[in-house]
PDB file of N, CA and C in Angstrom:
ATOM      1  N   MET A   1       3.303   5.536   9.458  1.00  0.00           N
ATOM      2  CA  MET A   1       3.508   4.189   8.968  1.00  0.00           C
ATOM      3  C   MET A   1       2.639   3.228   9.780  1.00  0.00           C
ATOM      4  N   SER A   2       1.924   2.369   9.110  1.00  0.00           N
ATOM      5  CA  SER A   2       1.026   1.452   9.799  1.00  0.00           C
ATOM      6  C   SER A   2       1.788   0.246  10.337  1.00  0.00           C
ATOM      7  N   ASN A   3       1.146  -0.519  11.204  1.00  0.00           N
ATOM      8  CA  ASN A   3       1.771  -1.714  11.773  1.00  0.00           C
ATOM      9  C   ASN A   3       2.005  -2.783  10.718  1.00  0.00           C
ATOM     10  N   ASP A   4       1.125  -2.867   9.714  1.00  0.00           N
ATOM     11  CA  ASP A   4       1.293  -3.857   8.656  1.00  0.00           C
ATOM     12  C   ASP A   4       2.580  -3.623   7.890  1.00  0.00           C
ATOM     13  N   GLN A   5       2.907  -2.378   7.622  1.00  0.00           N
ATOM     14  CA  GLN A   5       4.114  -2.048   6.875  1.00  0.00           C
ATOM     15  C   GLN A   5       5.362  -2.434   7.668  1.00  0.00           C
ATOM     16  N   GLN A   6       5.346  -2.288   8.980  1.00  0.00           N
ATOM     17  CA  GLN A   6       6.496  -2.619   9.795  1.00  0.00           C
ATOM     18  C   GLN A   6       6.753  -4.119   9.827  1.00  0.00           C
ATOM     19  N   SER A   7       5.724  -4.941   9.745  1.00  0.00           N
ATOM     20  CA  SER A   7       5.883  -6.383   9.857  1.00  0.00           C
ATOM     21  C   SER A   7       6.352  -7.039   8.561  1.00  0.00           C
ATOM     22  N   LEU A   8       6.461  -6.297   7.478  1.00  0.00           N
ATOM     23  CA  LEU A   8       6.824  -6.886   6.197  1.00  0.00           C
ATOM     24  C   LEU A   8       8.324  -7.123   6.040  1.00  0.00           C
ATOM     25  N   GLY A   9       9.146  -6.545   6.876  1.00  0.00           N
ATOM     26  CA  GLY A   9      10.577  -6.806   6.829  1.00  0.00           C
ATOM     27  C   GLY A   9      11.232  -6.286   5.560  1.00  0.00           C
ATOM     28  N   SER A  10      11.855  -7.194   4.805  1.00  0.00           N
ATOM     29  CA  SER A  10      12.662  -6.798   3.663  1.00  0.00           C
ATOM     30  C   SER A  10      11.858  -6.254   2.484  1.00  0.00           C
ATOM     31  N   VAL A  11      10.562  -6.521   2.422  1.00  0.00           N
ATOM     32  CA  VAL A  11       9.777  -6.039   1.285  1.00  0.00           C
ATOM     33  C   VAL A  11       9.272  -4.616   1.487  1.00  0.00           C
ATOM     34  N   LYS A  12       9.669  -3.976   2.567  1.00  0.00           N
ATOM     35  CA  LYS A  12       9.340  -2.560   2.734  1.00  0.00           C
ATOM     36  C   LYS A  12       9.989  -1.733   1.636  1.00  0.00           C
ATOM     37  N   ARG A  13      11.003  -2.296   0.986  1.00  0.00           N
ATOM     38  CA  ARG A  13      11.707  -1.578  -0.083  1.00  0.00           C
ATOM     39  C   ARG A  13      10.793  -1.257  -1.263  1.00  0.00           C
ATOM     40  N   PHE A  14       9.654  -1.960  -1.384  1.00  0.00           N
ATOM     41  CA  PHE A  14       8.733  -1.718  -2.485  1.00  0.00           C
ATOM     42  C   PHE A  14       7.756  -0.582  -2.207  1.00  0.00           C
ATOM     43  N   GLY A  15       7.707  -0.096  -0.980  1.00  0.00           N
ATOM     44  CA  GLY A  15       6.840   1.030  -0.630  1.00  0.00           C
ATOM     45  C   GLY A  15       5.375   0.713  -0.863  1.00  0.00           C
ATOM     46  N   THR A  16       4.679   1.588  -1.605  1.00  0.00           N
ATOM     47  CA  THR A  16       3.249   1.415  -1.831  1.00  0.00           C
ATOM     48  C   THR A  16       2.945   0.603  -3.085  1.00  0.00           C
ATOM     49  N   ARG A  17       3.967   0.144  -3.794  1.00  0.00           N
ATOM     50  CA  ARG A  17       3.751  -0.590  -5.039  1.00  0.00           C
ATOM     51  C   ARG A  17       3.383  -2.057  -4.784  1.00  0.00           C
ATOM     52  N   TYR A  18       2.719  -2.685  -5.708  1.00  0.00           N
ATOM     53  CA  TYR A  18       2.440  -4.121  -5.816  1.00  0.00           C
ATOM     54  C   TYR A  18       1.359  -4.672  -4.901  1.00  0.00           C
ATOM     55  N   GLY A  19       0.909  -3.978  -3.905  1.00  0.00           N
ATOM     56  CA  GLY A  19      -0.191  -4.447  -3.072  1.00  0.00           C
ATOM     57  C   GLY A  19       0.253  -5.230  -1.858  1.00  0.00           C
ATOM     58  N   LYS A  20      -0.608  -5.267  -0.869  1.00  0.00           N
ATOM     59  CA  LYS A  20      -0.296  -5.867   0.426  1.00  0.00           C
ATOM     60  C   LYS A  20      -0.124  -7.379   0.349  1.00  0.00           C
ATOM     61  N   THR A  21      -1.025  -8.070  -0.345  1.00  0.00           N
ATOM     62  CA  THR A  21      -1.007  -9.528  -0.388  1.00  0.00           C
ATOM     63  C   THR A  21       0.247 -10.047  -1.079  1.00  0.00           C
ATOM     64  N   VAL A  22       0.618  -9.453  -2.171  1.00  0.00           N
ATOM     65  CA  VAL A  22       1.807  -9.877  -2.905  1.00  0.00           C
ATOM     66  C   VAL A  22       3.047  -9.672  -2.052  1.00  0.00           C
ATOM     67  N   LYS A  23       3.117  -8.541  -1.372  1.00  0.00           N
ATOM     68  CA  LYS A  23       4.279  -8.264  -0.522  1.00  0.00           C
ATOM     69  C   LYS A  23       4.340  -9.217   0.671  1.00  0.00           C
ATOM     70  N   GLN A  24       3.194  -9.604   1.230  1.00  0.00           N
ATOM     71  CA  GLN A  24       3.189 -10.556   2.341  1.00  0.00           C
ATOM     72  C   GLN A  24       3.689 -11.922   1.892  1.00  0.00           C
ATOM     73  N   ARG A  25       3.281 -12.365   0.716  1.00  0.00           N
ATOM     74  CA  ARG A  25       3.749 -13.645   0.182  1.00  0.00           C
ATOM     75  C   ARG A  25       5.247 -13.622  -0.059  1.00  0.00           C
ATOM     76  N   LEU A  26       5.741 -12.545  -0.643  1.00  0.00           N
ATOM     77  CA  LEU A  26       7.166 -12.415  -0.901  1.00  0.00           C
ATOM     78  C   LEU A  26       7.966 -12.372   0.392  1.00  0.00           C
ATOM     79  N   ALA A  27       7.448 -11.699   1.411  1.00  0.00           N
ATOM     80  CA  ALA A  27       8.127 -11.634   2.706  1.00  0.00           C
ATOM     81  C   ALA A  27       8.263 -13.018   3.315  1.00  0.00           C
ATOM     82  N   THR A  28       7.226 -13.847   3.205  1.00  0.00           N
ATOM     83  CA  THR A  28       7.268 -15.208   3.726  1.00  0.00           C
ATOM     84  C   THR A  28       8.307 -16.043   2.996  1.00  0.00           C
ATOM     85  N   ILE A  29       8.343 -15.927   1.679  1.00  0.00           N
ATOM     86  CA  ILE A  29       9.301 -16.689   0.874  1.00  0.00           C
ATOM     87  C   ILE A  29      10.735 -16.258   1.191  1.00  0.00           C
ATOM     88  N   GLU A  30      10.982 -14.957   1.262  1.00  0.00           N
ATOM     89  CA  GLU A  30      12.334 -14.475   1.548  1.00  0.00           C
ATOM     90  C   GLU A  30      12.778 -14.863   2.950  1.00  0.00           C
ATOM     91  N   GLU A  31      11.867 -14.883   3.896  1.00  0.00           N
ATOM     92  CA  GLU A  31      12.209 -15.286   5.255  1.00  0.00           C
ATOM     93  C   GLU A  31      12.628 -16.753   5.292  1.00  0.00           C
ATOM     94  N   LYS A  32      11.909 -17.618   4.571  1.00  0.00           N
ATOM     95  CA  LYS A  32      12.261 -19.029   4.509  1.00  0.00           C
ATOM     96  C   LYS A  32      13.605 -19.246   3.832  1.00  0.00           C
ATOM     97  N   ALA A  33      13.873 -18.486   2.772  1.00  0.00           N
ATOM     98  CA  ALA A  33      15.121 -18.651   2.029  1.00  0.00           C
ATOM     99  C   ALA A  33      16.333 -18.233   2.854  1.00  0.00           C
ATOM    100  N   ARG A  34      16.167 -17.291   3.758  1.00  0.00           N
ATOM    101  CA  ARG A  34      17.293 -16.786   4.541  1.00  0.00           C
ATOM    102  C   ARG A  34      17.543 -17.568   5.826  1.00  0.00           C
ATOM    103  N   GLN A  35      16.667 -18.492   6.175  1.00  0.00           N
ATOM    104  CA  GLN A  35      16.859 -19.294   7.374  1.00  0.00           C
ATOM    105  C   GLN A  35      18.026 -20.245   7.206  1.00  0.00           C
ATOM    106  N   THR A  36      18.547 -20.749   8.338  1.00  0.00           N
ATOM    107  CA  THR A  36      19.503 -21.838   8.269  1.00  0.00           C
ATOM    108  C   THR A  36      18.733 -23.131   8.481  1.00  0.00           C
ATOM    109  N   TYR A  37      19.125 -24.153   7.754  1.00  0.00           N
ATOM    110  CA  TYR A  37      18.426 -25.432   7.799  1.00  0.00           C
ATOM    111  C   TYR A  37      19.346 -26.536   8.266  1.00  0.00           C
ATOM    112  N   LYS A  38      18.758 -27.677   8.594  1.00  0.00           N
ATOM    113  CA  LYS A  38      19.515 -28.833   9.044  1.00  0.00           C
ATOM    114  C   LYS A  38      20.093 -29.561   7.840  1.00  0.00           C
ATOM    115  N   CYS A  39      21.370 -29.906   7.928  1.00  0.00           N
ATOM    116  CA  CYS A  39      22.055 -30.601   6.844  1.00  0.00           C
ATOM    117  C   CYS A  39      21.587 -32.052   6.783  1.00  0.00           C
ATOM    118  N   PRO A  40      21.269 -32.568   5.589  1.00  0.00           N
ATOM    119  CA  PRO A  40      20.841 -33.966   5.489  1.00  0.00           C
ATOM    120  C   PRO A  40      21.994 -34.953   5.680  1.00  0.00           C
ATOM    121  N   TYR A  41      23.225 -34.482   5.653  1.00  0.00           N
ATOM    122  CA  TYR A  41      24.389 -35.358   5.806  1.00  0.00           C
ATOM    123  C   TYR A  41      24.900 -35.401   7.239  1.00  0.00           C
ATOM    124  N   CYS A  42      25.146 -34.224   7.844  1.00  0.00           N
ATOM    125  CA  CYS A  42      25.732 -34.198   9.186  1.00  0.00           C
ATOM    126  C   CYS A  42      24.724 -33.829  10.276  1.00  0.00           C
ATOM    127  N   ARG A  43      23.516 -33.441   9.912  1.00  0.00           N
ATOM    128  CA  ARG A  43      22.412 -33.129  10.824  1.00  0.00           C
ATOM    129  C   ARG A  43      22.629 -31.873  11.675  1.00  0.00           C
ATOM    130  N   TYR A  44      23.582 -31.019  11.331  1.00  0.00           N
ATOM    131  CA  TYR A  44      23.762 -29.750  12.026  1.00  0.00           C
ATOM    132  C   TYR A  44      22.983 -28.662  11.291  1.00  0.00           C
ATOM    133  N   GLU A  45      22.552 -27.649  12.027  1.00  0.00           N
ATOM    134  CA  GLU A  45      21.825 -26.542  11.401  1.00  0.00           C
ATOM    135  C   GLU A  45      22.821 -25.506  10.904  1.00  0.00           C
ATOM    136  N   LYS A  46      23.473 -25.822   9.813  1.00  0.00           N
ATOM    137  CA  LYS A  46      24.498 -24.945   9.250  1.00  0.00           C
ATOM    138  C   LYS A  46      24.327 -24.764   7.747  1.00  0.00           C
ATOM    139  N   VAL A  47      23.162 -25.073   7.199  1.00  0.00           N
ATOM    140  CA  VAL A  47      22.954 -25.011   5.756  1.00  0.00           C
ATOM    141  C   VAL A  47      22.389 -23.651   5.363  1.00  0.00           C
ATOM    142  N   ASN A  48      23.052 -23.015   4.400  1.00  0.00           N
ATOM    143  CA  ASN A  48      22.609 -21.726   3.875  1.00  0.00           C
ATOM    144  C   ASN A  48      22.420 -21.834   2.373  1.00  0.00           C
ATOM    145  N   ARG A  49      21.578 -20.975   1.850  1.00  0.00           N
ATOM    146  CA  ARG A  49      21.270 -20.964   0.420  1.00  0.00           C
ATOM    147  C   ARG A  49      22.363 -20.227  -0.341  1.00  0.00           C
ATOM    148  N   GLN A  50      22.902 -20.858  -1.383  1.00  0.00           N
ATOM    149  CA  GLN A  50      23.909 -20.240  -2.241  1.00  0.00           C
ATOM    150  C   GLN A  50      23.249 -19.549  -3.431  1.00  0.00           C
ATOM    151  N   ALA A  51      22.341 -20.262  -4.085  1.00  0.00           N
ATOM    152  CA  ALA A  51      21.602 -19.754  -5.239  1.00  0.00           C
ATOM    153  C   ALA A  51      20.283 -20.520  -5.269  1.00  0.00           C
ATOM    154  N   THR A  52      19.495 -20.312  -6.304  1.00  0.00           N
ATOM    155  CA  THR A  52      18.204 -20.981  -6.396  1.00  0.00           C
ATOM    156  C   THR A  52      18.403 -22.489  -6.434  1.00  0.00           C
ATOM    157  N   GLY A  53      17.982 -23.172  -5.380  1.00  0.00           N
ATOM    158  CA  GLY A  53      18.059 -24.624  -5.323  1.00  0.00           C
ATOM    159  C   GLY A  53      19.417 -25.177  -4.962  1.00  0.00           C
ATOM    160  N   ILE A  54      20.417 -24.349  -4.705  1.00  0.00           N
ATOM    161  CA  ILE A  54      21.759 -24.811  -4.344  1.00  0.00           C
ATOM    162  C   ILE A  54      22.027 -24.422  -2.894  1.00  0.00           C
ATOM    163  N   TRP A  55      22.368 -25.413  -2.081  1.00  0.00           N
ATOM    164  CA  TRP A  55      22.550 -25.232  -0.650  1.00  0.00           C
ATOM    165  C   TRP A  55      23.941 -25.699  -0.249  1.00  0.00           C
ATOM    166  N   HIS A  56      24.510 -25.065   0.803  1.00  0.00           N
ATOM    167  CA  HIS A  56      25.861 -25.394   1.251  1.00  0.00           C
ATOM    168  C   HIS A  56      25.880 -25.508   2.769  1.00  0.00           C
ATOM    169  N   CYS A  57      26.485 -26.594   3.259  1.00  0.00           N
ATOM    170  CA  CYS A  57      26.630 -26.805   4.704  1.00  0.00           C
ATOM    171  C   CYS A  57      28.011 -26.299   5.114  1.00  0.00           C
ATOM    172  N   GLU A  58      28.041 -25.395   6.081  1.00  0.00           N
ATOM    173  CA  GLU A  58      29.303 -24.846   6.559  1.00  0.00           C
ATOM    174  C   GLU A  58      30.068 -25.836   7.433  1.00  0.00           C
ATOM    175  N   LYS A  59      29.369 -26.776   8.051  1.00  0.00           N
ATOM    176  CA  LYS A  59      30.006 -27.737   8.963  1.00  0.00           C
ATOM    177  C   LYS A  59      30.750 -28.820   8.201  1.00  0.00           C
ATOM    178  N   CYS A  60      30.048 -29.529   7.305  1.00  0.00           N
ATOM    179  CA  CYS A  60      30.679 -30.634   6.583  1.00  0.00           C
ATOM    180  C   CYS A  60      31.160 -30.227   5.187  1.00  0.00           C
ATOM    181  N   ASP A  61      30.976 -28.958   4.819  1.00  0.00           N
ATOM    182  CA  ASP A  61      31.455 -28.390   3.559  1.00  0.00           C
ATOM    183  C   ASP A  61      30.903 -29.105   2.332  1.00  0.00           C
ATOM    184  N   ARG A  62      29.662 -29.539   2.393  1.00  0.00           N
ATOM    185  CA  ARG A  62      29.019 -30.173   1.243  1.00  0.00           C
ATOM    186  C   ARG A  62      28.077 -29.195   0.577  1.00  0.00           C
ATOM    187  N   THR A  63      28.043 -29.274  -0.735  1.00  0.00           N
ATOM    188  CA  THR A  63      27.109 -28.481  -1.527  1.00  0.00           C
ATOM    189  C   THR A  63      26.160 -29.449  -2.206  1.00  0.00           C
ATOM    190  N   PHE A  64      24.876 -29.172  -2.132  1.00  0.00           N
ATOM    191  CA  PHE A  64      23.886 -30.084  -2.676  1.00  0.00           C
ATOM    192  C   PHE A  64      22.693 -29.289  -3.176  1.00  0.00           C
ATOM    193  N   THR A  65      21.803 -29.957  -3.884  1.00  0.00           N
ATOM    194  CA  THR A  65      20.613 -29.310  -4.406  1.00  0.00           C
ATOM    195  C   THR A  65      19.420 -29.619  -3.518  1.00  0.00           C
ATOM    196  N   GLY A  66      18.441 -28.749  -3.588  1.00  0.00           N
ATOM    197  CA  GLY A  66      17.213 -28.908  -2.832  1.00  0.00           C
ATOM    198  C   GLY A  66      16.126 -28.125  -3.523  1.00  0.00           C
ATOM    199  N   LYS A  67      15.121 -27.754  -2.777  1.00  0.00           N
ATOM    200  CA  LYS A  67      14.066 -26.932  -3.344  1.00  0.00           C
ATOM    201  C   LYS A  67      14.581 -25.502  -3.501  1.00  0.00           C
ATOM    202  N   ALA A  68      13.828 -24.680  -4.195  1.00  0.00           N
ATOM    203  CA  ALA A  68      14.286 -23.328  -4.508  1.00  0.00           C
ATOM    204  C   ALA A  68      14.465 -22.467  -3.259  1.00  0.00           C
ATOM    205  N   TYR A  69      13.517 -22.529  -2.325  1.00  0.00           N
ATOM    206  CA  TYR A  69      13.575 -21.650  -1.174  1.00  0.00           C
ATOM    207  C   TYR A  69      13.765 -22.384   0.146  1.00  0.00           C
ATOM    208  N   THR A  70      13.659 -23.706   0.152  1.00  0.00           N
ATOM    209  CA  THR A  70      13.916 -24.511   1.335  1.00  0.00           C
ATOM    210  C   THR A  70      14.728 -25.730   0.932  1.00  0.00           C
ATOM    211  N   VAL A  71      15.356 -26.377   1.900  1.00  0.00           N
ATOM    212  CA  VAL A  71      16.163 -27.545   1.598  1.00  0.00           C
ATOM    213  C   VAL A  71      15.274 -28.723   1.220  1.00  0.00           C
ATOM    214  N   HIS A  72      14.175 -28.890   1.931  1.00  0.00           N
ATOM    215  CA  HIS A  72      13.275 -30.017   1.708  1.00  0.00           C
ATOM    216  C   HIS A  72      11.871 -29.612   2.110  1.00  0.00           C
ATOM    217  N   GLU A  73      10.933 -30.502   1.855  1.00  0.00           N
ATOM    218  CA  GLU A  73       9.561 -30.244   2.275  1.00  0.00           C
ATOM    219  C   GLU A  73       9.469 -30.316   3.791  1.00  0.00           C
ATOM    220  N   ASP A  74       8.658 -29.468   4.357  1.00  0.00           N
ATOM    221  CA  ASP A  74       8.444 -29.500   5.792  1.00  0.00           C
ATOM    222  C   ASP A  74       7.589 -30.713   6.137  1.00  0.00           C
ATOM    223  N   ILE A  75       8.026 -31.518   7.100  1.00  0.00           N
ATOM    224  CA  ILE A  75       7.259 -32.681   7.536  1.00  0.00           C
ATOM    225  C   ILE A  75       6.368 -32.232   8.683  1.00  0.00           C
ATOM    226  N   THR A  76       5.088 -32.382   8.506  1.00  0.00           N
ATOM    227  CA  THR A  76       4.169 -32.032   9.568  1.00  0.00           C
ATOM    228  C   THR A  76       4.025 -33.232  10.500  1.00  0.00           C
ATOM    229  N   GLU A  77       3.376 -33.031  11.614  1.00  0.00           N
ATOM    230  CA  GLU A  77       3.215 -34.107  12.589  1.00  0.00           C
ATOM    231  C   GLU A  77       2.420 -35.274  12.019  1.00  0.00           C
ATOM    232  N   ASP A  78       1.475 -35.002  11.127  1.00  0.00           N
ATOM    233  CA  ASP A  78       0.650 -36.058  10.551  1.00  0.00           C
ATOM    234  C   ASP A  78       1.425 -36.904   9.547  1.00  0.00           C
ATOM    235  N   GLU A  79       2.443 -36.332   8.904  1.00  0.00           N
ATOM    236  CA  GLU A  79       3.161 -37.016   7.841  1.00  0.00           C
ATOM    237  C   GLU A  79       4.455 -37.671   8.302  1.00  0.00           C
ATOM    238  N   GLU A  80       4.749 -37.684   9.603  1.00  0.00           N
ATOM    239  CA  GLU A  80       6.001 -38.263  10.073  1.00  0.00           C
ATOM    240  C   GLU A  80       6.050 -39.761   9.743  1.00  0.00           C
ATOM    241  N   GLU A  81       7.288 -40.249   9.622  1.00  0.00           N
ATOM    242  CA  GLU A  81       7.481 -41.666   9.282  1.00  0.00           C
ATOM    243  C   GLU A  81       6.945 -42.536  10.409  1.00  0.00           C
ATOM    244  N   PRO A  82       6.316 -43.649  10.084  1.00  0.00           N
ATOM    245  CA  PRO A  82       5.771 -44.529  11.133  1.00  0.00           C
ATOM    246  C   PRO A  82       6.900 -45.261  11.855  1.00  0.00           C
ATOM    247  N   ASP A  83       6.672 -45.560  13.134  1.00  0.00           N
ATOM    248  CA  ASP A  83       7.642 -46.318  13.919  1.00  0.00           C
ATOM    249  C   ASP A  83       7.661 -47.755  13.463  1.00  0.00           C
ATOM    250  N   GLU A  84       8.813 -48.406  13.594  1.00  0.00           N
ATOM    251  CA  GLU A  84       8.923 -49.808  13.189  1.00  0.00           C
ATOM    252  C   GLU A  84       8.160 -50.716  14.164  1.00  0.00           C
ATOM    253  N   ALA A  85       7.960 -50.286  15.396  1.00  0.00           N
ATOM    254  CA  ALA A  85       7.266 -51.098  16.369  1.00  0.00           C
ATOM    255  C   ALA A  85       5.780 -51.270  16.009  1.00  0.00           C
ATOM    256  N   GLU A  86       5.221 -50.330  15.285  1.00  0.00           N
ATOM    257  CA  GLU A  86       3.812 -50.397  14.936  1.00  0.00           C
ATOM    258  C   GLU A  86       3.547 -51.418  13.831  1.00  0.00           C
ATOM    259  N   THR A  87       4.531 -51.738  13.012  1.00  0.00           N
ATOM    260  CA  THR A  87       4.303 -52.654  11.895  1.00  0.00           C
ATOM    261  C   THR A  87       4.378 -54.092  12.289  1.00  0.00           C
TER     262      THR A  87
END
């Protein structure tokens, strides 16, 4: 077994089918979907995916919608909200 096959995680179940690139993309998506995210209401990292686009916070017991595989778009350092002092 090669090192590439070991790093694919849950998509090893497909074996030699579908190709390396497709399996790498799927592994990335599944990894993001299984992470816990920060709740937009209580700000604790207790949000888990229930179904496609449906998320549930274990701390504040709220269920809400979001993106299919993540709660929200990732904010990069360049896209952060500007400080009020700068305006």
